[in-house]
Amino acid sequence: MNNTKKLSLTARILIAMALGVLVGAAFKGLLAGAEEKVFSLLGLDIALKAFFVDGIFHIGGQIFMASLKMLVVPLVFVSLVCGTSSLSDGGTLGRLGGKALGLYTLTTAIAIGLAIFFAVLVSPGAGVEMTSDASFSVAQAPSLVEVILNIFPSNPVEAMAKGEMLQIIVFAVLMGLAIALSGEAGARVRDFFNDLNEVVMKLVGFMMELAPYGVFFLMAKLFTTLDLSDLSSLAWYFGTVLFVLLFHGFVVYGAFLQLAGRLNPLMFFRKMKDVALFAFSMSSSNATIPVNLETTTKKLGVSNNIASFTIPLGATINMDGTAIMQGVATVFIAQVFQVDLTFTDYLMVILTATLASIGTAGVPGVGLIMLAMVLQQVGLPVEGIALIIGVDRLLDMTRTAVNISGDAMVSCLIGKSENQFDQHLYDNPDAGKSA
């Protein structure tokens, strides 16, 4: 009799993450003080950094990331076409969009408000002696006119090739509405997309089985190259951001689920742990879309009609974690440079960061672009970003996990408000588990 039991995905990812950290730290120790070290194996001279860090670890992690990103565009497009084509009218879609934008904007405003409150309370920059010799340049944020024009694709194929999520969402919505209004021809096309959606979701399942290996390579590479010396001088800043991220992710999201949705928050967090670990390792909301969409529909009970719209949209514009970093960073930089911010300045930070989270959606390096906009708005030196960038990689991993949890939370609330939510599936702790 076989008594072996397969470990859960969460356990396998945690083990892979821990092993990756240990291996990465070990290689960092071996390579300390030398640009490259060579060892002999079976008569061959092997360079540690080139062969393992820049070779095996880098290649393994990047192949896994590329495989996930490969699924994002077809999954978002196909799933959104399926969901939109099943809606009865355009008014329903408009209502969904209004609810999603409203909730995402509200949670972002709450996030940055909390960040400023705790940062003022803790004063992470008090007594920190740093100079502004370091320079930092950030890409120019697009104007409001450019943002509006860039939402609508002139070439949907090009938008898919470049991964322009807002343009893909707009095209998929229009395609879905056209299918819904095309009678028998539309019904045949809808059946095709529904079958295609099943195939793509099966691909997602394959990728999830490979997740622990990808996580190991990514963490090993990260901790081989990560410089943790900045943590000592930025400990209060790092700790404050981390605390607010956890507070927002558990307390604020939990309150929304309990009070607005009458849903058990503990069940939500229990079912989201795999996705959160995944997002933490990937540090990319877009790369987590396939896993988050599968969890939201198959474990949390949200109809695909809702989740196929809210999850991709949230991955693009919902930036609660980034807003928290901006709030704490603004207070930290002001304290380091001994600039007193007024109550009006803090309100301007909240307003600017909330609007910028939508206005800079899809722009590379969006978090730093948004922070630069916020700092300029209240007269703080943009080069102050260089002071915190050393620890930003670890915090970015955590805020990605918070962002994707917010996407799923909003999806649950909207799904329930639209009567497209399976309460029994949500309450079932074993929902979505493979046999």
Protein backbone atom coordinates (compact mmCIF):
# COMPACT_ATOMS: atom_id res chain seq x y z
CA MET A 1 0.00 0.00 0.00
CA ASN A 2 1.31 3.44 -0.94
CA ASN A 3 1.21 5.79 2.05
CA THR A 4 2.98 8.65 0.34
CA LYS A 5 0.97 11.81 0.05
CA LYS A 6 1.70 14.51 -2.48
CA LEU A 7 2.61 17.84 -0.89
CA SER A 8 0.25 20.74 -1.53
CA LEU A 9 1.26 23.42 -4.01
CA THR A 10 1.69 25.90 -1.14
CA ALA A 11 4.12 23.58 0.66
CA ARG A 12 6.09 22.92 -2.51
CA ILE A 13 6.38 26.64 -3.32
CA LEU A 14 7.45 27.44 0.26
CA ILE A 15 10.09 24.69 0.19
CA ALA A 16 11.35 25.89 -3.20
CA MET A 17 11.43 29.48 -1.93
CA ALA A 18 13.40 28.53 1.19
CA LEU A 19 15.85 26.39 -0.80
CA GLY A 20 16.30 29.21 -3.31
CA VAL A 21 17.10 31.69 -0.53
CA LEU A 22 19.60 29.30 1.08
CA VAL A 23 21.32 28.43 -2.20
CA GLY A 24 21.42 32.08 -3.25
CA ALA A 25 22.89 33.15 0.10
CA ALA A 26 25.47 30.34 -0.10
CA PHE A 27 26.59 31.43 -3.57
CA LYS A 28 26.74 35.05 -2.40
CA GLY A 29 29.08 33.95 0.39
CA LEU A 30 31.24 31.92 -2.00
CA LEU A 31 31.52 34.83 -4.43
CA ALA A 32 32.18 37.46 -1.75
CA GLY A 33 35.24 39.59 -2.44
CA ALA A 34 35.81 38.25 -5.93
CA GLU A 35 34.34 39.06 -9.31
CA GLU A 36 34.52 35.40 -10.29
CA LYS A 37 35.61 32.11 -8.76
CA VAL A 38 36.49 28.94 -10.63
CA PHE A 39 36.36 25.32 -9.48
CA SER A 40 37.42 22.15 -11.24
CA LEU A 41 35.01 19.29 -11.90
CA LEU A 42 36.02 16.19 -13.88
CA GLY A 43 38.93 18.10 -15.31
CA LEU A 44 36.82 21.06 -16.37
CA ASP A 45 37.20 24.58 -14.99
CA ILE A 46 33.74 25.97 -14.16
CA ALA A 47 33.13 29.63 -13.30
CA LEU A 48 30.63 29.77 -10.40
CA LYS A 49 28.95 33.04 -11.29
CA ALA A 50 28.85 32.55 -15.04
CA PHE A 51 27.73 28.92 -14.89
CA PHE A 52 25.25 28.99 -11.99
CA VAL A 53 24.11 32.58 -11.27
CA ASP A 54 24.13 34.02 -14.81
CA GLY A 55 23.56 30.59 -16.35
CA ILE A 56 21.35 27.99 -14.66
CA PHE A 57 19.57 30.27 -12.14
CA HIS A 58 19.00 33.09 -14.62
CA ILE A 59 17.92 30.89 -17.52
CA GLY A 60 15.61 28.73 -15.38
CA GLY A 61 13.88 31.74 -13.83
CA GLN A 62 13.53 33.66 -17.08
CA ILE A 63 12.12 30.65 -18.97
CA PHE A 64 9.48 30.23 -16.28
CA MET A 65 8.61 33.95 -16.30
CA ALA A 66 8.43 33.96 -20.10
CA SER A 67 6.16 30.90 -20.05
CA LEU A 68 3.77 32.62 -17.66
CA LYS A 69 3.75 35.85 -19.64
CA MET A 70 3.11 33.79 -22.77
CA LEU A 71 -0.25 32.80 -21.27
CA VAL A 72 -1.32 36.27 -20.11
CA VAL A 73 -2.47 37.78 -23.42
CA PRO A 74 -4.38 34.73 -24.78
CA LEU A 75 -5.95 34.08 -21.37
CA VAL A 76 -7.08 37.67 -20.83
CA PHE A 77 -8.37 38.05 -24.38
CA VAL A 78 -10.18 34.70 -24.59
CA SER A 79 -11.60 34.83 -21.07
CA LEU A 80 -12.79 38.43 -21.44
CA VAL A 81 -14.44 37.68 -24.80
CA CYS A 82 -16.24 34.73 -23.17
CA GLY A 83 -17.40 36.81 -20.23
CA THR A 84 -18.50 39.85 -22.25
CA SER A 85 -20.29 37.82 -24.93
CA SER A 86 -22.48 36.24 -22.24
CA LEU A 87 -23.68 39.59 -20.86
CA SER A 88 -27.21 40.56 -21.72
CA ASP A 89 -26.55 44.21 -22.59
CA GLY A 90 -24.00 47.02 -22.63
CA GLY A 91 -25.55 48.56 -19.52
CA THR A 92 -24.41 45.58 -17.45
CA LEU A 93 -20.85 46.05 -18.68
CA GLY A 94 -20.97 49.76 -17.85
CA ARG A 95 -22.18 48.96 -14.34
CA LEU A 96 -19.37 46.44 -13.85
CA GLY A 97 -16.78 48.95 -15.05
CA GLY A 98 -18.13 51.65 -12.73
CA LYS A 99 -18.05 49.35 -9.70
CA ALA A 100 -14.55 48.10 -10.49
CA LEU A 101 -13.07 51.55 -11.02
CA GLY A 102 -14.80 52.89 -7.91
CA LEU A 103 -13.59 50.08 -5.65
CA TYR A 104 -10.04 50.07 -7.01
CA THR A 105 -9.78 53.85 -6.59
CA LEU A 106 -11.24 53.70 -3.07
CA THR A 107 -8.85 51.01 -1.84
CA THR A 108 -5.88 52.87 -3.34
CA ALA A 109 -6.87 56.09 -1.55
CA ILE A 110 -7.24 54.17 1.72
CA ALA A 111 -3.85 52.51 1.17
CA ILE A 112 -1.91 55.73 0.74
CA GLY A 113 -3.84 57.40 3.57
CA LEU A 114 -2.83 54.58 5.93
CA ALA A 115 0.76 54.75 4.68
CA ILE A 116 1.05 58.45 5.46
CA PHE A 117 -0.61 58.03 8.88
CA PHE A 118 1.75 55.26 10.03
CA ALA A 119 4.80 56.92 8.48
CA VAL A 120 4.12 60.17 10.37
CA LEU A 121 3.53 58.13 13.52
CA VAL A 122 6.75 56.10 13.20
CA SER A 123 9.00 58.78 11.59
CA PRO A 124 11.22 56.33 9.67
CA GLY A 125 13.46 59.13 8.35
CA ALA A 126 14.16 60.79 11.69
CA GLY A 127 17.87 60.73 12.47
CA VAL A 128 18.82 59.11 9.16
CA GLU A 129 21.91 60.78 7.77
CA MET A 130 22.06 60.47 4.03
CA THR A 131 23.28 62.74 1.30
CA SER A 132 21.56 63.56 -1.95
CA ASP A 133 24.70 62.98 -4.05
CA ALA A 134 23.10 59.94 -5.64
CA SER A 135 21.17 60.76 -8.76
CA PHE A 136 18.05 59.13 -10.08
CA SER A 137 16.32 59.60 -13.40
CA VAL A 138 12.81 58.41 -14.08
CA ALA A 139 10.88 58.13 -17.32
CA GLN A 140 8.47 60.92 -18.13
CA ALA A 141 4.89 60.12 -17.18
CA PRO A 142 2.38 60.31 -20.04
CA SER A 143 -0.04 63.23 -20.23
CA LEU A 144 -3.76 62.75 -19.62
CA VAL A 145 -4.44 63.07 -23.36
CA GLU A 146 -1.87 60.34 -24.13
CA VAL A 147 -3.36 58.07 -21.47
CA ILE A 148 -6.86 58.38 -22.94
CA LEU A 149 -5.68 57.88 -26.53
CA ASN A 150 -3.50 54.89 -25.59
CA ILE A 151 -6.50 53.02 -24.18
CA PHE A 152 -7.89 52.49 -27.69
CA PRO A 153 -5.85 50.23 -30.01
CA SER A 154 -5.27 51.23 -33.62
CA ASN A 155 -3.89 47.74 -34.23
CA PRO A 156 -5.18 45.04 -31.84
CA VAL A 157 -2.59 42.52 -33.08
CA GLU A 158 0.21 44.95 -32.24
CA ALA A 159 -1.38 45.60 -28.83
CA MET A 160 -1.33 41.86 -28.12
CA ALA A 161 2.25 41.54 -29.32
CA LYS A 162 3.35 44.34 -26.98
CA GLY A 163 1.16 43.19 -24.08
CA GLU A 164 -0.74 46.51 -23.83
CA MET A 165 -3.32 45.32 -21.31
CA LEU A 166 -5.79 48.23 -21.44
CA GLN A 167 -5.89 48.08 -25.24
CA ILE A 168 -6.39 44.31 -25.14
CA ILE A 169 -9.22 44.72 -22.62
CA VAL A 170 -10.98 47.32 -24.82
CA PHE A 171 -10.70 45.17 -27.95
CA ALA A 172 -11.85 42.02 -26.13
CA VAL A 173 -14.86 43.85 -24.67
CA LEU A 174 -15.87 45.18 -28.09
CA MET A 175 -15.42 41.73 -29.63
CA GLY A 176 -17.52 40.15 -26.89
CA LEU A 177 -20.33 42.67 -27.31
CA ALA A 178 -20.30 42.10 -31.10
CA ILE A 179 -20.57 38.33 -30.55
CA ALA A 180 -23.47 38.82 -28.13
CA LEU A 181 -25.36 40.86 -30.74
CA SER A 182 -24.67 38.60 -33.74
CA GLY A 183 -27.37 35.96 -33.31
CA GLU A 184 -26.60 32.42 -34.49
CA ALA A 185 -23.21 33.37 -35.94
CA GLY A 186 -22.28 34.93 -32.59
CA ALA A 187 -23.44 31.81 -30.73
CA ARG A 188 -21.13 29.62 -32.81
CA VAL A 189 -18.18 31.96 -32.20
CA ARG A 190 -19.01 32.09 -28.47
CA ASP A 191 -18.94 28.28 -28.26
CA PHE A 192 -15.53 28.30 -29.94
CA PHE A 193 -14.15 30.82 -27.43
CA ASN A 194 -15.62 28.84 -24.51
CA ASP A 195 -13.80 25.71 -25.71
CA LEU A 196 -10.63 27.71 -26.27
CA ASN A 197 -10.91 29.09 -22.73
CA GLU A 198 -10.96 25.54 -21.32
CA VAL A 199 -7.79 24.69 -23.24
CA VAL A 200 -5.98 27.82 -22.03
CA MET A 201 -6.97 27.10 -18.42
CA LYS A 202 -5.53 23.60 -18.80
CA LEU A 203 -2.26 25.23 -19.84
CA VAL A 204 -2.42 27.33 -16.66
CA GLY A 205 -2.71 24.10 -14.68
CA PHE A 206 0.44 22.75 -16.35
CA MET A 207 2.36 25.91 -15.46
CA MET A 208 1.24 25.74 -11.83
CA GLU A 209 2.83 22.30 -11.50
CA LEU A 210 6.14 23.80 -12.63
CA ALA A 211 5.84 26.78 -10.27
CA PRO A 212 8.10 25.44 -7.48
CA TYR A 213 10.99 24.98 -9.92
CA GLY A 214 10.58 28.47 -11.33
CA VAL A 215 10.34 29.95 -7.83
CA PHE A 216 13.57 28.19 -6.80
CA PHE A 217 15.54 29.61 -9.74
CA LEU A 218 14.14 33.13 -9.26
CA MET A 219 14.87 33.24 -5.52
CA ALA A 220 18.34 31.71 -5.94
CA LYS A 221 19.28 34.37 -8.51
CA LEU A 222 17.78 37.18 -6.43
CA PHE A 223 19.54 36.32 -3.17
CA THR A 224 22.84 35.75 -4.96
CA THR A 225 22.80 39.34 -6.21
CA LEU A 226 20.75 41.11 -3.51
CA ASP A 227 22.66 43.55 -1.30
CA LEU A 228 21.11 43.42 2.16
CA SER A 229 23.51 45.96 3.69
CA ASP A 230 21.01 48.76 3.00
CA LEU A 231 18.54 47.16 5.41
CA SER A 232 20.50 48.37 8.45
CA SER A 233 20.25 52.06 7.57
CA LEU A 234 16.74 51.75 6.14
CA ALA A 235 15.33 49.36 8.75
CA TRP A 236 12.60 51.74 9.97
CA TYR A 237 11.56 52.60 6.41
CA PHE A 238 11.54 48.94 5.36
CA GLY A 239 9.64 47.87 8.48
CA THR A 240 7.05 50.64 8.14
CA VAL A 241 6.27 49.82 4.50
CA LEU A 242 6.09 46.10 5.28
CA PHE A 243 3.78 46.66 8.27
CA VAL A 244 1.36 48.87 6.29
CA LEU A 245 1.33 46.39 3.40
CA LEU A 246 0.36 43.55 5.76
CA PHE A 247 -2.14 45.73 7.62
CA HIS A 248 -3.83 46.78 4.39
CA GLY A 249 -3.78 43.27 2.93
CA PHE A 250 -5.28 41.55 5.96
CA VAL A 251 -7.21 44.17 7.95
CA VAL A 252 -8.56 46.48 5.22
CA TYR A 253 -9.31 43.76 2.67
CA GLY A 254 -10.71 41.58 5.45
CA ALA A 255 -13.01 44.42 6.56
CA PHE A 256 -14.27 44.94 3.00
CA LEU A 257 -15.06 41.23 2.66
CA GLN A 258 -16.76 41.02 6.06
CA LEU A 259 -18.71 44.30 6.04
CA ALA A 260 -19.45 44.88 2.35
CA GLY A 261 -19.65 41.30 1.12
CA ARG A 262 -20.70 39.38 4.27
CA LEU A 263 -17.96 36.91 3.39
CA ASN A 264 -15.57 35.05 5.68
CA PRO A 265 -12.14 36.77 5.31
CA LEU A 266 -10.26 33.76 6.71
CA MET A 267 -11.58 31.55 3.91
CA PHE A 268 -10.50 34.17 1.37
CA PHE A 269 -6.94 34.38 2.71
CA ARG A 270 -6.72 30.60 2.98
CA LYS A 271 -7.59 30.16 -0.68
CA MET A 272 -5.40 33.05 -1.84
CA LYS A 273 -2.18 31.82 -0.19
CA ASP A 274 -0.93 30.01 -3.31
CA VAL A 275 -1.55 33.06 -5.50
CA ALA A 276 0.05 35.41 -2.96
CA LEU A 277 3.18 33.24 -2.77
CA PHE A 278 3.23 33.08 -6.53
CA ALA A 279 2.95 36.88 -6.84
CA PHE A 280 5.63 37.35 -4.18
CA SER A 281 8.05 35.22 -6.19
CA MET A 282 7.15 36.69 -9.59
CA SER A 283 6.95 40.35 -8.48
CA SER A 284 4.63 40.91 -11.45
CA SER A 285 0.86 41.41 -11.33
CA ASN A 286 0.49 40.65 -15.03
CA ALA A 287 2.42 37.37 -14.77
CA THR A 288 0.05 36.33 -11.95
CA ILE A 289 -3.16 36.96 -13.95
CA PRO A 290 -3.57 33.31 -15.10
CA VAL A 291 -3.20 31.92 -11.56
CA ASN A 292 -5.34 34.63 -9.96
CA LEU A 293 -8.12 34.18 -12.52
CA GLU A 294 -8.17 30.41 -11.99
CA THR A 295 -8.29 30.80 -8.19
CA THR A 296 -10.97 33.51 -8.28
CA THR A 297 -13.29 31.46 -10.47
CA LYS A 298 -12.62 27.89 -9.29
CA LYS A 299 -11.93 28.43 -5.57
CA LEU A 300 -13.62 31.71 -4.63
CA GLY A 301 -16.77 31.17 -6.67
CA VAL A 302 -16.75 34.32 -8.81
CA SER A 303 -18.38 33.91 -12.21
CA ASN A 304 -15.98 34.07 -15.15
CA ASN A 305 -18.20 36.83 -16.57
CA ILE A 306 -17.04 39.03 -13.69
CA ALA A 307 -13.51 37.78 -12.99
CA SER A 308 -12.42 37.86 -16.64
CA PHE A 309 -13.06 41.62 -16.54
CA THR A 310 -12.03 42.63 -13.00
CA ILE A 311 -8.80 40.57 -12.67
CA PRO A 312 -7.02 41.88 -15.82
CA LEU A 313 -8.30 45.41 -15.14
CA GLY A 314 -7.09 45.24 -11.54
CA ALA A 315 -3.67 43.93 -12.58
CA THR A 316 -3.38 47.02 -14.77
CA ILE A 317 -4.75 49.84 -12.60
CA ASN A 318 -4.99 48.55 -9.01
CA MET A 319 -1.79 49.58 -7.24
CA ASP A 320 -2.55 49.60 -3.53
CA GLY A 321 0.88 48.19 -2.66
CA THR A 322 2.65 50.78 -4.79
CA ALA A 323 0.55 53.54 -3.23
CA ILE A 324 1.65 52.38 0.24
CA MET A 325 5.30 52.55 -0.80
CA GLN A 326 4.75 56.06 -2.16
CA GLY A 327 3.10 57.30 1.01
CA VAL A 328 5.83 56.01 3.33
CA ALA A 329 8.61 57.01 0.91
CA THR A 330 7.27 60.57 0.65
CA VAL A 331 7.28 61.01 4.43
CA PHE A 332 10.68 59.29 4.72
CA ILE A 333 12.32 61.50 2.06
CA ALA A 334 10.77 64.64 3.57
CA GLN A 335 12.19 63.73 6.98
CA VAL A 336 15.64 62.87 5.60
CA PHE A 337 15.86 66.21 3.78
CA GLN A 338 14.21 67.99 6.74
CA VAL A 339 11.26 69.32 4.78
CA ASP A 340 8.07 69.94 6.76
CA LEU A 341 4.96 68.83 4.86
CA THR A 342 1.65 70.49 5.68
CA PHE A 343 -1.73 68.82 5.98
CA THR A 344 -2.56 70.19 2.52
CA ASP A 345 0.62 68.58 1.15
CA TYR A 346 -0.45 65.21 2.54
CA LEU A 347 -3.90 65.56 0.93
CA MET A 348 -2.17 66.41 -2.36
CA VAL A 349 -0.02 63.25 -2.03
CA ILE A 350 -3.16 61.11 -1.56
CA LEU A 351 -4.93 62.73 -4.53
CA THR A 352 -1.90 62.61 -6.85
CA ALA A 353 -0.99 59.01 -6.07
CA THR A 354 -4.59 57.79 -6.40
CA LEU A 355 -5.08 59.44 -9.81
CA ALA A 356 -1.59 58.48 -10.99
CA SER A 357 -2.30 54.80 -10.28
CA ILE A 358 -4.74 54.90 -13.19
CA GLY A 359 -2.97 57.53 -15.30
CA THR A 360 0.33 55.64 -15.50
CA ALA A 361 -1.16 52.17 -15.94
CA GLY A 362 0.94 49.92 -18.13
CA VAL A 363 4.01 52.19 -18.14
CA PRO A 364 7.35 50.42 -17.43
CA GLY A 365 8.74 51.28 -13.98
CA VAL A 366 5.30 52.61 -13.06
CA GLY A 367 5.95 52.63 -9.30
CA LEU A 368 8.95 54.91 -9.57
CA ILE A 369 7.24 57.13 -12.13
CA MET A 370 4.31 57.59 -9.76
CA LEU A 371 6.63 58.30 -6.83
CA ALA A 372 8.53 60.91 -8.86
CA MET A 373 5.22 62.62 -9.73
CA VAL A 374 4.20 62.65 -6.06
CA LEU A 375 7.55 64.05 -4.89
CA GLN A 376 7.48 66.80 -7.51
CA GLN A 377 3.92 67.71 -6.54
CA VAL A 378 4.96 68.56 -2.95
CA GLY A 379 8.38 70.02 -3.79
CA LEU A 380 10.61 67.16 -2.63
CA PRO A 381 13.82 66.20 -4.50
CA VAL A 382 13.29 63.35 -6.96
CA GLU A 383 16.84 62.15 -6.35
CA GLY A 384 15.60 61.04 -2.93
CA ILE A 385 14.31 57.91 -4.69
CA ALA A 386 17.94 56.75 -4.95
CA LEU A 387 18.04 56.50 -1.15
CA ILE A 388 15.38 53.78 -0.97
CA ILE A 389 15.94 51.88 -4.20
CA GLY A 390 18.35 49.45 -2.54
CA VAL A 391 15.58 47.73 -0.54
CA ASP A 392 12.80 48.28 -3.05
CA ARG A 393 13.20 44.85 -4.68
CA LEU A 394 12.11 42.98 -1.55
CA LEU A 395 9.24 45.39 -0.90
CA ASP A 396 8.13 45.14 -4.53
CA MET A 397 7.62 41.40 -4.07
CA THR A 398 5.35 42.01 -1.06
CA ARG A 399 3.32 44.79 -2.64
CA THR A 400 2.67 42.63 -5.71
CA ALA A 401 1.10 40.03 -3.40
CA VAL A 402 -1.07 42.77 -1.86
CA ASN A 403 -2.11 44.10 -5.28
CA ILE A 404 -3.31 40.77 -6.64
CA SER A 405 -5.16 40.02 -3.37
CA GLY A 406 -7.00 43.31 -3.84
CA ASP A 407 -7.94 42.29 -7.39
CA ALA A 408 -9.49 39.05 -6.10
CA MET A 409 -11.24 40.81 -3.19
CA VAL A 410 -12.87 43.36 -5.50
CA SER A 411 -13.89 40.54 -7.86
CA CYS A 412 -15.65 38.76 -4.97
CA LEU A 413 -17.55 41.91 -3.94
CA ILE A 414 -18.65 42.73 -7.48
CA GLY A 415 -19.56 39.12 -8.21
CA LYS A 416 -21.78 38.95 -5.15
CA SER A 417 -23.41 42.32 -5.87
CA GLU A 418 -24.22 41.14 -9.41
CA ASN A 419 -25.58 37.75 -8.23
CA GLN A 420 -22.80 36.01 -10.16
CA PHE A 421 -21.15 34.41 -7.15
CA ASP A 422 -21.23 30.85 -5.82
CA GLN A 423 -21.41 31.13 -2.02
CA HIS A 424 -21.15 27.36 -1.51
CA LEU A 425 -17.98 27.19 -3.60
CA TYR A 426 -16.49 30.08 -1.61
CA ASP A 427 -17.30 28.40 1.73
CA ASN A 428 -15.96 25.01 0.61
CA PRO A 429 -12.33 24.74 1.82
CA ASP A 430 -11.60 21.98 -0.72
CA ALA A 431 -12.96 23.82 -3.76
CA GLY A 432 -10.64 23.80 -6.75
CA LYS A 433 -8.28 21.18 -5.35
CA SER A 434 -7.19 18.53 -7.78
CA ALA A 435 -7.80 14.94 -6.85
